Amino acid sequence: ARITTWPDWRSDHLVRRARALTARAVEKQLEAVHIHEETAKHLQVSNGQKVLLTQEDIQLISEVVFDNTLPVGAAFIAGGTLLAAQLGSCFAAITLEVNVV
């Protein structure tokens, strides 16, 4: 299952232009799919590895970031990111495939 939240610095046009908020290093990690370490073990994927994301008829390559605050079996993709926009629906089934370029 895919879950989503919207980062506070992506909420409106004024906040998006605030340098102190947009310069946060965490934003670089948001252009990735976040999964629990147990999910990663099941998929045999390592932190930072590229995976193929498939949601409905859309396929994209993304980096994996471990986040043990997530439920096992869930994939988190932050809203307000290019990755989220390209995938479409924020709460749809998504699959991750390993061993991609």
Protein backbone atom coordinates (compact mmCIF):
# COMPACT_ATOMS: atom_id res chain seq x y z
CA ALA A 1 0.00 0.00 0.00
CA ARG A 2 1.17 3.51 -0.76
CA ILE A 3 0.87 6.23 1.88
CA THR A 4 1.49 9.96 1.48
CA THR A 5 1.89 13.16 3.46
CA TRP A 6 2.61 16.69 2.24
CA PRO A 7 5.81 18.33 3.52
CA ASP A 8 5.11 21.67 5.22
CA TRP A 9 7.52 23.51 2.92
CA ARG A 10 5.48 22.41 -0.11
CA SER A 11 2.14 23.70 1.18
CA ASP A 12 1.77 27.05 -0.62
CA HIS A 13 3.62 29.47 -2.90
CA LEU A 14 5.03 31.60 -0.05
CA VAL A 15 6.37 28.69 1.96
CA ARG A 16 7.85 27.03 -1.15
CA ARG A 17 9.98 30.14 -1.70
CA ALA A 18 11.32 30.35 1.88
CA ARG A 19 15.03 29.51 1.55
CA ALA A 20 15.38 28.21 5.10
CA LEU A 21 12.65 25.64 4.52
CA THR A 22 13.51 24.56 1.00
CA ALA A 23 17.22 24.18 1.76
CA ARG A 24 16.63 21.37 4.25
CA ALA A 25 18.68 18.29 3.45
CA VAL A 26 15.74 16.01 4.17
CA GLU A 27 14.06 17.15 0.96
CA LYS A 28 16.64 15.28 -1.09
CA GLN A 29 15.51 12.05 0.58
CA LEU A 30 11.88 12.78 -0.20
CA GLU A 31 12.40 12.08 -3.91
CA ALA A 32 12.58 8.39 -3.00
CA VAL A 33 10.38 5.53 -1.89
CA HIS A 34 10.60 4.90 1.85
CA ILE A 35 10.07 1.39 3.23
CA HIS A 36 10.58 -0.42 6.53
CA GLU A 37 13.79 -2.41 6.87
CA GLU A 38 11.77 -5.64 7.27
CA THR A 39 10.01 -4.92 3.97
CA ALA A 40 13.42 -4.35 2.39
CA LYS A 41 14.68 -7.70 3.71
CA HIS A 42 11.64 -9.43 2.22
CA LEU A 43 12.27 -7.73 -1.14
CA GLN A 44 16.03 -8.25 -0.85
CA VAL A 45 16.73 -4.57 -1.46
CA SER A 46 19.32 -2.37 0.25
CA ASN A 47 19.20 1.24 1.38
CA GLY A 48 19.96 3.52 -1.59
CA GLN A 49 19.27 0.84 -4.19
CA LYS A 50 17.22 1.70 -7.28
CA VAL A 51 13.87 -0.07 -7.73
CA LEU A 52 11.14 -0.02 -10.34
CA LEU A 53 7.88 1.41 -8.99
CA THR A 54 4.65 0.42 -10.73
CA GLN A 55 1.34 2.08 -9.94
CA GLU A 56 -1.51 1.30 -12.30
CA ASP A 57 0.05 1.78 -15.78
CA ILE A 58 2.88 4.08 -14.63
CA GLN A 59 6.44 2.81 -14.10
CA LEU A 60 9.28 4.86 -12.59
CA ILE A 61 12.71 4.16 -11.16
CA SER A 62 13.35 5.44 -7.64
CA GLU A 63 15.87 5.10 -4.85
CA VAL A 64 14.94 3.21 -1.66
CA VAL A 65 15.31 4.85 1.76
CA PHE A 66 14.82 2.82 4.94
CA ASP A 67 12.35 4.25 7.45
CA ASN A 68 11.46 2.01 10.38
CA THR A 69 8.66 4.33 11.50
CA LEU A 70 6.55 2.99 8.61
CA PRO A 71 4.37 -0.11 8.80
CA VAL A 72 5.93 -3.26 7.36
CA GLY A 73 4.67 -3.73 3.81
CA ALA A 74 3.89 -0.04 3.19
CA ALA A 75 5.66 2.32 0.80
CA PHE A 76 5.85 6.02 1.60
CA ILE A 77 6.27 8.62 -1.14
CA ALA A 78 6.04 12.23 0.01
CA GLY A 79 3.41 14.39 -1.63
CA GLY A 80 4.49 17.58 -3.33
CA THR A 81 7.44 15.85 -4.98
CA LEU A 82 8.09 15.13 -8.64
CA LEU A 83 7.97 11.41 -7.92
CA ALA A 84 4.52 11.67 -6.33
CA ALA A 85 3.21 13.86 -9.15
CA GLN A 86 4.39 11.39 -11.79
CA LEU A 87 2.77 8.43 -10.05
CA GLY A 88 -0.67 9.99 -9.73
CA SER A 89 -3.06 8.83 -7.00
CA CYS A 90 -1.61 9.24 -3.50
CA PHE A 91 -3.31 6.17 -2.01
CA ALA A 92 -3.13 3.44 -4.63
CA ALA A 93 -1.54 0.02 -4.72
CA ILE A 94 2.11 0.14 -5.73
CA THR A 95 4.67 -2.56 -6.47
CA LEU A 96 8.45 -2.44 -6.11
CA GLU A 97 10.70 -4.54 -8.31
CA VAL A 98 14.40 -4.96 -7.64
CA ASN A 99 17.32 -5.70 -9.97
CA VAL A 100 16.67 -2.79 -12.31
CA VAL A 101 19.18 -0.45 -13.91
